[in-house]
PDB file of all heavy atoms in Angstrom:
ATOM      1  N   ASN A   1     -16.554  66.378  14.999  1.00  0.00           N
ATOM      2  CA  ASN A   1     -16.802  67.614  14.153  1.00  0.00           C
ATOM      3  C   ASN A   1     -18.311  67.755  13.951  1.00  0.00           C
ATOM      4  O   ASN A   1     -18.801  68.871  13.686  1.00  0.00           O
ATOM      5  CB  ASN A   1     -16.114  67.480  12.857  1.00  0.00           C
ATOM      6  CG  ASN A   1     -14.617  67.759  12.968  1.00  0.00           C
ATOM      7  OD1 ASN A   1     -14.161  68.344  13.909  1.00  0.00           O
ATOM      8  ND2 ASN A   1     -13.865  67.330  11.943  1.00  0.00           N
ATOM      9  N   HIS A   2     -19.072  66.608  13.983  1.00  0.00           N
ATOM     10  CA  HIS A   2     -20.501  66.718  13.857  1.00  0.00           C
ATOM     11  C   HIS A   2     -21.209  66.638  15.155  1.00  0.00           C
ATOM     12  O   HIS A   2     -22.442  66.463  15.205  1.00  0.00           O
ATOM     13  CB  HIS A   2     -20.953  65.489  12.941  1.00  0.00           C
ATOM     14  CG  HIS A   2     -20.639  65.653  11.435  1.00  0.00           C
ATOM     15  ND1 HIS A   2     -19.438  65.136  11.001  1.00  0.00           N
ATOM     16  CD2 HIS A   2     -21.391  66.148  10.437  1.00  0.00           C
ATOM     17  CE1 HIS A   2     -19.465  65.477   9.638  1.00  0.00           C
ATOM     18  NE2 HIS A   2     -20.599  66.040   9.361  1.00  0.00           N
ATOM     19  N   ASP A   3     -20.497  66.851  16.219  1.00  0.00           N
ATOM     20  CA  ASP A   3     -21.075  66.881  17.609  1.00  0.00           C
ATOM     21  C   ASP A   3     -21.861  65.655  17.957  1.00  0.00           C
ATOM     22  O   ASP A   3     -22.907  65.726  18.566  1.00  0.00           O
ATOM     23  CB  ASP A   3     -22.002  68.107  17.720  1.00  0.00           C
ATOM     24  CG  ASP A   3     -21.251  69.423  17.635  1.00  0.00           C
ATOM     25  OD1 ASP A   3     -20.144  69.439  18.180  1.00  0.00           O
ATOM     26  OD2 ASP A   3     -21.702  70.386  16.982  1.00  0.00           O
ATOM     27  N   VAL A   4     -21.338  64.454  17.612  1.00  0.00           N
ATOM     28  CA  VAL A   4     -21.948  63.226  18.001  1.00  0.00           C
ATOM     29  C   VAL A   4     -20.837  62.370  18.657  1.00  0.00           C
ATOM     30  O   VAL A   4     -19.651  62.613  18.466  1.00  0.00           O
ATOM     31  CB  VAL A   4     -22.590  62.467  16.855  1.00  0.00           C
ATOM     32  CG1 VAL A   4     -23.643  63.305  16.151  1.00  0.00           C
ATOM     33  CG2 VAL A   4     -21.535  61.987  15.838  1.00  0.00           C
ATOM     34  N   ASN A   5     -21.315  61.350  19.393  1.00  0.00           N
ATOM     35  CA  ASN A   5     -20.323  60.496  20.084  1.00  0.00           C
ATOM     36  C   ASN A   5     -19.811  59.400  19.247  1.00  0.00           C
ATOM     37  O   ASN A   5     -20.416  59.090  18.180  1.00  0.00           O
ATOM     38  CB  ASN A   5     -21.053  59.912  21.331  1.00  0.00           C
ATOM     39  CG  ASN A   5     -21.331  60.913  22.428  1.00  0.00           C
ATOM     40  OD1 ASN A   5     -20.621  61.902  22.586  1.00  0.00           O
ATOM     41  ND2 ASN A   5     -22.474  60.689  23.117  1.00  0.00           N
ATOM     42  N   ILE A   6     -18.752  58.772  19.655  1.00  0.00           N
ATOM     43  CA  ILE A   6     -18.207  57.646  18.972  1.00  0.00           C
ATOM     44  C   ILE A   6     -17.934  56.463  19.928  1.00  0.00           C
ATOM     45  O   ILE A   6     -17.320  56.713  20.978  1.00  0.00           O
ATOM     46  CB  ILE A   6     -16.879  57.986  18.102  1.00  0.00           C
ATOM     47  CG1 ILE A   6     -16.386  56.745  17.457  1.00  0.00           C
ATOM     48  CG2 ILE A   6     -15.899  58.672  19.069  1.00  0.00           C
ATOM     49  CD1 ILE A   6     -15.374  57.071  16.369  1.00  0.00           C
ATOM     50  N   HIS A   7     -18.391  55.309  19.561  1.00  0.00           N
ATOM     51  CA  HIS A   7     -18.237  54.113  20.356  1.00  0.00           C
ATOM     52  C   HIS A   7     -17.616  53.073  19.577  1.00  0.00           C
ATOM     53  O   HIS A   7     -17.775  52.953  18.381  1.00  0.00           O
ATOM     54  CB  HIS A   7     -19.690  53.559  20.799  1.00  0.00           C
ATOM     55  CG  HIS A   7     -19.676  52.312  21.598  1.00  0.00           C
ATOM     56  ND1 HIS A   7     -19.797  52.390  22.970  1.00  0.00           N
ATOM     57  CD2 HIS A   7     -19.582  51.035  21.274  1.00  0.00           C
ATOM     58  CE1 HIS A   7     -19.701  51.116  23.449  1.00  0.00           C
ATOM     59  NE2 HIS A   7     -19.623  50.313  22.363  1.00  0.00           N
ATOM     60  N   VAL A   8     -16.766  52.292  20.249  1.00  0.00           N
ATOM     61  CA  VAL A   8     -15.979  51.182  19.600  1.00  0.00           C
ATOM     62  C   VAL A   8     -16.395  49.857  20.171  1.00  0.00           C
ATOM     63  O   VAL A   8     -16.352  49.685  21.394  1.00  0.00           O
ATOM     64  CB  VAL A   8     -14.463  51.381  19.640  1.00  0.00           C
ATOM     65  CG1 VAL A   8     -13.683  50.231  18.957  1.00  0.00           C
ATOM     66  CG2 VAL A   8     -14.031  52.750  19.003  1.00  0.00           C
ATOM     67  N   GLY A   9     -16.735  48.871  19.381  1.00  0.00           N
ATOM     68  CA  GLY A   9     -17.091  47.567  19.802  1.00  0.00           C
ATOM     69  C   GLY A   9     -15.881  46.643  19.907  1.00  0.00           C
ATOM     70  O   GLY A   9     -14.821  46.849  19.327  1.00  0.00           O
ATOM     71  N   ARG A  10     -16.017  45.612  20.679  1.00  0.00           N
ATOM     72  CA  ARG A  10     -15.039  44.576  20.874  1.00  0.00           C
ATOM     73  C   ARG A  10     -13.700  45.131  21.345  1.00  0.00           C
ATOM     74  O   ARG A  10     -12.677  44.897  20.693  1.00  0.00           O
ATOM     75  CB  ARG A  10     -14.905  43.682  19.595  1.00  0.00           C
ATOM     76  CG  ARG A  10     -16.197  43.049  19.194  1.00  0.00           C
ATOM     77  CD  ARG A  10     -15.996  41.869  18.171  1.00  0.00           C
ATOM     78  NE  ARG A  10     -14.863  42.123  17.302  1.00  0.00           N
ATOM     79  CZ  ARG A  10     -15.027  42.760  16.114  1.00  0.00           C
ATOM     80  NH1 ARG A  10     -16.149  43.425  15.759  1.00  0.00           N
ATOM     81  NH2 ARG A  10     -13.995  42.869  15.321  1.00  0.00           N
ATOM     82  N   VAL A  11     -13.735  45.707  22.554  1.00  0.00           N
ATOM     83  CA  VAL A  11     -12.541  46.298  23.150  1.00  0.00           C
ATOM     84  C   VAL A  11     -12.334  45.610  24.396  1.00  0.00           C
ATOM     85  O   VAL A  11     -13.072  45.886  25.358  1.00  0.00           O
ATOM     86  CB  VAL A  11     -12.606  47.796  23.347  1.00  0.00           C
ATOM     87  CG1 VAL A  11     -11.392  48.353  24.133  1.00  0.00           C
ATOM     88  CG2 VAL A  11     -12.785  48.552  22.014  1.00  0.00           C
ATOM     89  N   GLY A  12     -11.396  44.628  24.533  1.00  0.00           N
ATOM     90  CA  GLY A  12     -11.372  43.785  25.737  1.00  0.00           C
ATOM     91  C   GLY A  12      -9.921  43.703  26.306  1.00  0.00           C
ATOM     92  O   GLY A  12      -9.626  42.825  27.173  1.00  0.00           O
ATOM     93  N   THR A  13      -8.980  44.467  25.807  1.00  0.00           N
ATOM     94  CA  THR A  13      -7.605  44.410  26.340  1.00  0.00           C
ATOM     95  C   THR A  13      -7.102  45.808  26.717  1.00  0.00           C
ATOM     96  O   THR A  13      -7.652  46.810  26.282  1.00  0.00           O
ATOM     97  CB  THR A  13      -6.614  43.873  25.281  1.00  0.00           C
ATOM     98  OG1 THR A  13      -6.510  44.759  24.122  1.00  0.00           O
ATOM     99  CG2 THR A  13      -7.112  42.463  24.743  1.00  0.00           C
ATOM    100  N   LEU A  14      -6.048  45.813  27.539  1.00  0.00           N
ATOM    101  CA  LEU A  14      -5.483  47.104  27.990  1.00  0.00           C
ATOM    102  C   LEU A  14      -5.049  47.887  26.747  1.00  0.00           C
ATOM    103  O   LEU A  14      -5.301  49.069  26.660  1.00  0.00           O
ATOM    104  CB  LEU A  14      -4.257  46.822  28.904  1.00  0.00           C
ATOM    105  CG  LEU A  14      -3.502  48.131  29.248  1.00  0.00           C
ATOM    106  CD1 LEU A  14      -4.396  49.181  29.867  1.00  0.00           C
ATOM    107  CD2 LEU A  14      -2.311  47.744  30.164  1.00  0.00           C
ATOM    108  N   LYS A  15      -4.371  47.248  25.818  1.00  0.00           N
ATOM    109  CA  LYS A  15      -3.839  47.907  24.627  1.00  0.00           C
ATOM    110  C   LYS A  15      -4.967  48.568  23.820  1.00  0.00           C
ATOM    111  O   LYS A  15      -4.920  49.714  23.333  1.00  0.00           O
ATOM    112  CB  LYS A  15      -3.006  47.009  23.782  1.00  0.00           C
ATOM    113  CG  LYS A  15      -2.327  47.737  22.614  1.00  0.00           C
ATOM    114  CD  LYS A  15      -1.338  46.864  21.881  1.00  0.00           C
ATOM    115  CE  LYS A  15      -0.656  47.651  20.738  1.00  0.00           C
ATOM    116  NZ  LYS A  15       0.313  46.756  20.028  1.00  0.00           N
ATOM    117  N   ASP A  16      -6.096  47.830  23.604  1.00  0.00           N
ATOM    118  CA  ASP A  16      -7.184  48.344  22.931  1.00  0.00           C
ATOM    119  C   ASP A  16      -7.828  49.495  23.611  1.00  0.00           C
ATOM    120  O   ASP A  16      -8.311  50.446  22.926  1.00  0.00           O
ATOM    121  CB  ASP A  16      -8.214  47.184  22.650  1.00  0.00           C
ATOM    122  CG  ASP A  16      -7.792  46.204  21.615  1.00  0.00           C
ATOM    123  OD1 ASP A  16      -6.780  46.456  20.960  1.00  0.00           O
ATOM    124  OD2 ASP A  16      -8.502  45.209  21.413  1.00  0.00           O
ATOM    125  N   MET A  17      -7.928  49.441  24.952  1.00  0.00           N
ATOM    126  CA  MET A  17      -8.508  50.560  25.679  1.00  0.00           C
ATOM    127  C   MET A  17      -7.567  51.767  25.479  1.00  0.00           C
ATOM    128  O   MET A  17      -8.105  52.968  25.417  1.00  0.00           O
ATOM    129  CB  MET A  17      -8.661  50.227  27.189  1.00  0.00           C
ATOM    130  CG  MET A  17      -9.738  49.171  27.455  1.00  0.00           C
ATOM    131  SD  MET A  17      -9.874  48.906  29.266  1.00  0.00           S
ATOM    132  CE  MET A  17     -11.057  47.660  29.337  1.00  0.00           C
ATOM    133  N   GLN A  18      -6.360  51.604  25.522  1.00  0.00           N
ATOM    134  CA  GLN A  18      -5.445  52.662  25.346  1.00  0.00           C
ATOM    135  C   GLN A  18      -5.586  53.304  24.022  1.00  0.00           C
ATOM    136  O   GLN A  18      -5.553  54.533  23.782  1.00  0.00           O
ATOM    137  CB  GLN A  18      -3.948  52.225  25.510  1.00  0.00           C
ATOM    138  CG  GLN A  18      -3.562  51.931  26.934  1.00  0.00           C
ATOM    139  CD  GLN A  18      -2.114  51.565  27.062  1.00  0.00           C
ATOM    140  OE1 GLN A  18      -1.571  50.920  26.234  1.00  0.00           O
ATOM    141  NE2 GLN A  18      -1.464  52.077  28.063  1.00  0.00           N
ATOM    142  N   LYS A  19      -5.707  52.450  22.946  1.00  0.00           N
ATOM    143  CA  LYS A  19      -5.913  52.951  21.561  1.00  0.00           C
ATOM    144  C   LYS A  19      -7.169  53.851  21.576  1.00  0.00           C
ATOM    145  O   LYS A  19      -7.124  54.946  20.902  1.00  0.00           O
ATOM    146  CB  LYS A  19      -6.117  51.803  20.617  1.00  0.00           C
ATOM    147  CG  LYS A  19      -4.904  50.998  20.272  1.00  0.00           C
ATOM    148  CD  LYS A  19      -5.279  49.874  19.318  1.00  0.00           C
ATOM    149  CE  LYS A  19      -4.110  48.944  19.061  1.00  0.00           C
ATOM    150  NZ  LYS A  19      -4.475  47.838  18.182  1.00  0.00           N
ATOM    151  N   CYS A  20      -8.293  53.440  22.207  1.00  0.00           N
ATOM    152  CA  CYS A  20      -9.473  54.192  22.185  1.00  0.00           C
ATOM    153  C   CYS A  20      -9.311  55.519  22.939  1.00  0.00           C
ATOM    154  O   CYS A  20      -9.751  56.581  22.425  1.00  0.00           O
ATOM    155  CB  CYS A  20     -10.589  53.357  22.819  1.00  0.00           C
ATOM    156  SG  CYS A  20     -11.230  51.927  21.854  1.00  0.00           S
ATOM    157  N   ILE A  21      -8.730  55.458  24.070  1.00  0.00           N
ATOM    158  CA  ILE A  21      -8.551  56.700  24.895  1.00  0.00           C
ATOM    159  C   ILE A  21      -7.643  57.686  24.212  1.00  0.00           C
ATOM    160  O   ILE A  21      -7.891  58.896  24.093  1.00  0.00           O
ATOM    161  CB  ILE A  21      -8.097  56.400  26.277  1.00  0.00           C
ATOM    162  CG1 ILE A  21      -9.263  55.671  27.050  1.00  0.00           C
ATOM    163  CG2 ILE A  21      -7.740  57.639  27.039  1.00  0.00           C
ATOM    164  CD1 ILE A  21      -8.804  55.099  28.449  1.00  0.00           C
ATOM    165  N   TYR A  22      -6.555  57.198  23.667  1.00  0.00           N
ATOM    166  CA  TYR A  22      -5.567  58.017  22.878  1.00  0.00           C
ATOM    167  C   TYR A  22      -6.241  58.693  21.706  1.00  0.00           C
ATOM    168  O   TYR A  22      -5.937  59.838  21.331  1.00  0.00           O
ATOM    169  CB  TYR A  22      -4.426  57.210  22.444  1.00  0.00           C
ATOM    170  CG  TYR A  22      -3.307  57.998  21.862  1.00  0.00           C
ATOM    171  CD1 TYR A  22      -2.549  58.908  22.602  1.00  0.00           C
ATOM    172  CD2 TYR A  22      -2.920  57.813  20.521  1.00  0.00           C
ATOM    173  CE1 TYR A  22      -1.530  59.612  22.041  1.00  0.00           C
ATOM    174  CE2 TYR A  22      -1.926  58.521  19.958  1.00  0.00           C
ATOM    175  CZ  TYR A  22      -1.210  59.471  20.774  1.00  0.00           C
ATOM    176  OH  TYR A  22      -0.243  60.237  20.121  1.00  0.00           O
ATOM    177  N   ALA A  23      -7.159  57.937  20.996  1.00  0.00           N
ATOM    178  CA  ALA A  23      -7.863  58.420  19.871  1.00  0.00           C
ATOM    179  C   ALA A  23      -8.970  59.438  20.165  1.00  0.00           C
ATOM    180  O   ALA A  23      -9.388  60.191  19.319  1.00  0.00           O
ATOM    181  CB  ALA A  23      -8.414  57.298  19.038  1.00  0.00           C
ATOM    182  N   GLY A  24      -9.450  59.422  21.467  1.00  0.00           N
ATOM    183  CA  GLY A  24     -10.513  60.317  21.877  1.00  0.00           C
ATOM    184  C   GLY A  24     -11.892  59.679  21.777  1.00  0.00           C
ATOM    185  O   GLY A  24     -12.880  60.392  21.633  1.00  0.00           O
ATOM    186  N   VAL A  25     -11.958  58.393  21.833  1.00  0.00           N
ATOM    187  CA  VAL A  25     -13.286  57.676  21.799  1.00  0.00           C
ATOM    188  C   VAL A  25     -14.034  57.970  23.124  1.00  0.00           C
ATOM    189  O   VAL A  25     -13.478  58.101  24.172  1.00  0.00           O
ATOM    190  CB  VAL A  25     -12.994  56.157  21.714  1.00  0.00           C
ATOM    191  CG1 VAL A  25     -14.247  55.310  21.916  1.00  0.00           C
ATOM    192  CG2 VAL A  25     -12.383  55.842  20.320  1.00  0.00           C
ATOM    193  N   ASP A  26     -15.383  58.078  22.913  1.00  0.00           N
ATOM    194  CA  ASP A  26     -16.234  58.431  24.018  1.00  0.00           C
ATOM    195  C   ASP A  26     -16.645  57.205  24.813  1.00  0.00           C
ATOM    196  O   ASP A  26     -16.814  57.261  26.133  1.00  0.00           O
ATOM    197  CB  ASP A  26     -17.561  59.059  23.537  1.00  0.00           C
ATOM    198  CG  ASP A  26     -17.214  60.408  22.771  1.00  0.00           C
ATOM    199  OD1 ASP A  26     -16.755  61.318  23.456  1.00  0.00           O
ATOM    200  OD2 ASP A  26     -17.403  60.492  21.607  1.00  0.00           O
ATOM    201  N   SER A  27     -16.852  56.033  24.238  1.00  0.00           N
ATOM    202  CA  SER A  27     -17.222  54.837  24.907  1.00  0.00           C
ATOM    203  C   SER A  27     -16.793  53.596  24.127  1.00  0.00           C
ATOM    204  O   SER A  27     -16.531  53.668  22.921  1.00  0.00           O
ATOM    205  CB  SER A  27     -18.698  54.852  25.236  1.00  0.00           C
ATOM    206  OG  SER A  27     -19.495  54.779  24.032  1.00  0.00           O
ATOM    207  N   ALA A  28     -16.808  52.448  24.804  1.00  0.00           N
ATOM    208  CA  ALA A  28     -16.443  51.199  24.230  1.00  0.00           C
ATOM    209  C   ALA A  28     -17.056  50.103  24.968  1.00  0.00           C
ATOM    210  O   ALA A  28     -17.545  50.252  26.047  1.00  0.00           O
ATOM    211  CB  ALA A  28     -14.850  51.023  24.227  1.00  0.00           C
ATOM    212  N   ASP A  29     -17.033  48.891  24.284  1.00  0.00           N
ATOM    213  CA  ASP A  29     -17.586  47.689  25.027  1.00  0.00           C
ATOM    214  C   ASP A  29     -16.723  46.532  24.668  1.00  0.00           C
ATOM    215  O   ASP A  29     -15.981  46.513  23.659  1.00  0.00           O
ATOM    216  CB  ASP A  29     -19.019  47.536  24.556  1.00  0.00           C
ATOM    217  CG  ASP A  29     -19.203  46.881  23.197  1.00  0.00           C
ATOM    218  OD1 ASP A  29     -19.073  45.716  23.066  1.00  0.00           O
ATOM    219  OD2 ASP A  29     -19.372  47.683  22.230  1.00  0.00           O
ATOM    220  N   GLY A  30     -16.854  45.450  25.511  1.00  0.00           N
ATOM    221  CA  GLY A  30     -16.203  44.196  25.238  1.00  0.00           C
ATOM    222  C   GLY A  30     -16.733  43.131  26.148  1.00  0.00           C
ATOM    223  O   GLY A  30     -17.321  43.367  27.224  1.00  0.00           O
ATOM    224  N   SER A  31     -16.554  41.868  25.785  1.00  0.00           N
ATOM    225  CA  SER A  31     -17.046  40.760  26.546  1.00  0.00           C
ATOM    226  C   SER A  31     -15.962  39.882  27.161  1.00  0.00           C
ATOM    227  O   SER A  31     -16.244  39.113  28.025  1.00  0.00           O
ATOM    228  CB  SER A  31     -17.939  39.830  25.620  1.00  0.00           C
ATOM    229  OG  SER A  31     -17.089  39.281  24.626  1.00  0.00           O
ATOM    230  N   ALA A  32     -14.729  40.033  26.699  1.00  0.00           N
ATOM    231  CA  ALA A  32     -13.653  39.138  27.074  1.00  0.00           C
ATOM    232  C   ALA A  32     -13.453  39.045  28.596  1.00  0.00           C
ATOM    233  O   ALA A  32     -13.298  38.056  29.189  1.00  0.00           O
ATOM    234  CB  ALA A  32     -12.374  39.446  26.328  1.00  0.00           C
ATOM    235  N   LEU A  33     -13.426  40.265  29.214  1.00  0.00           N
ATOM    236  CA  LEU A  33     -12.990  40.329  30.656  1.00  0.00           C
ATOM    237  C   LEU A  33     -14.050  39.694  31.544  1.00  0.00           C
ATOM    238  O   LEU A  33     -13.724  38.915  32.476  1.00  0.00           O
ATOM    239  CB  LEU A  33     -12.661  41.754  31.006  1.00  0.00           C
ATOM    240  CG  LEU A  33     -11.439  42.355  30.361  1.00  0.00           C
ATOM    241  CD1 LEU A  33     -11.321  43.815  30.663  1.00  0.00           C
ATOM    242  CD2 LEU A  33     -10.256  41.598  30.858  1.00  0.00           C
ATOM    243  N   ILE A  34     -15.342  40.061  31.351  1.00  0.00           N
ATOM    244  CA  ILE A  34     -16.388  39.518  32.180  1.00  0.00           C
ATOM    245  C   ILE A  34     -16.632  38.029  31.806  1.00  0.00           C
ATOM    246  O   ILE A  34     -16.893  37.188  32.742  1.00  0.00           O
ATOM    247  CB  ILE A  34     -17.688  40.330  32.002  1.00  0.00           C
ATOM    248  CG1 ILE A  34     -18.698  39.818  33.203  1.00  0.00           C
ATOM    249  CG2 ILE A  34     -18.329  40.216  30.697  1.00  0.00           C
ATOM    250  CD1 ILE A  34     -19.854  40.729  33.300  1.00  0.00           C
ATOM    251  N   ARG A  35     -16.423  37.636  30.554  1.00  0.00           N
ATOM    252  CA  ARG A  35     -16.664  36.268  30.125  1.00  0.00           C
ATOM    253  C   ARG A  35     -15.567  35.333  30.866  1.00  0.00           C
ATOM    254  O   ARG A  35     -15.861  34.220  31.188  1.00  0.00           O
ATOM    255  CB  ARG A  35     -16.502  36.111  28.678  1.00  0.00           C
ATOM    256  CG  ARG A  35     -16.795  34.763  28.152  1.00  0.00           C
ATOM    257  CD  ARG A  35     -16.774  34.728  26.606  1.00  0.00           C
ATOM    258  NE  ARG A  35     -15.488  34.990  26.102  1.00  0.00           N
ATOM    259  CZ  ARG A  35     -15.160  36.030  25.250  1.00  0.00           C
ATOM    260  NH1 ARG A  35     -16.128  36.917  24.940  1.00  0.00           N
ATOM    261  NH2 ARG A  35     -13.962  36.162  24.855  1.00  0.00           N
ATOM    262  N   ASN A  36     -14.379  35.867  30.950  1.00  0.00           N
ATOM    263  CA  ASN A  36     -13.303  35.109  31.551  1.00  0.00           C
ATOM    264  C   ASN A  36     -13.165  35.364  33.048  1.00  0.00           C
ATOM    265  O   ASN A  36     -12.124  35.027  33.668  1.00  0.00           O
ATOM    266  CB  ASN A  36     -11.940  35.417  30.902  1.00  0.00           C
ATOM    267  CG  ASN A  36     -11.945  35.018  29.393  1.00  0.00           C
ATOM    268  OD1 ASN A  36     -12.458  33.971  29.054  1.00  0.00           O
ATOM    269  ND2 ASN A  36     -11.452  35.850  28.556  1.00  0.00           N
ATOM    270  N   GLN A  37     -14.175  35.882  33.697  1.00  0.00           N
ATOM    271  CA  GLN A  37     -14.257  36.159  35.085  1.00  0.00           C
ATOM    272  C   GLN A  37     -13.135  37.116  35.543  1.00  0.00           C
ATOM    273  O   GLN A  37     -12.543  36.961  36.650  1.00  0.00           O
ATOM    274  CB  GLN A  37     -14.293  34.898  35.863  1.00  0.00           C
ATOM    275  CG  GLN A  37     -15.421  33.943  35.559  1.00  0.00           C
ATOM    276  CD  GLN A  37     -15.583  32.798  36.548  1.00  0.00           C
ATOM    277  OE1 GLN A  37     -15.432  32.935  37.677  1.00  0.00           O
ATOM    278  NE2 GLN A  37     -15.929  31.662  35.948  1.00  0.00           N
ATOM    279  N   LYS A  38     -12.751  38.063  34.721  1.00  0.00           N
ATOM    280  CA  LYS A  38     -11.742  39.040  35.045  1.00  0.00           C
ATOM    281  C   LYS A  38     -12.347  40.411  35.153  1.00  0.00           C
ATOM    282  O   LYS A  38     -11.730  41.398  34.700  1.00  0.00           O
ATOM    283  CB  LYS A  38     -10.574  38.980  34.012  1.00  0.00           C
ATOM    284  CG  LYS A  38      -9.791  37.612  34.080  1.00  0.00           C
ATOM    285  CD  LYS A  38      -8.622  37.696  33.047  1.00  0.00           C
ATOM    286  CE  LYS A  38      -7.805  36.366  33.133  1.00  0.00           C
ATOM    287  NZ  LYS A  38      -6.691  36.355  32.216  1.00  0.00           N
TER     288      LYS A  38
END
């Protein structure tokens, strides 16, 4: 509504990515997948 982006931190699972996309989040980050060589 204020024409700015929204980013969510600590998103490292499929379910969390789904939550973000379903909610309309613009970007996210996470360390779990690369840390665990996935």
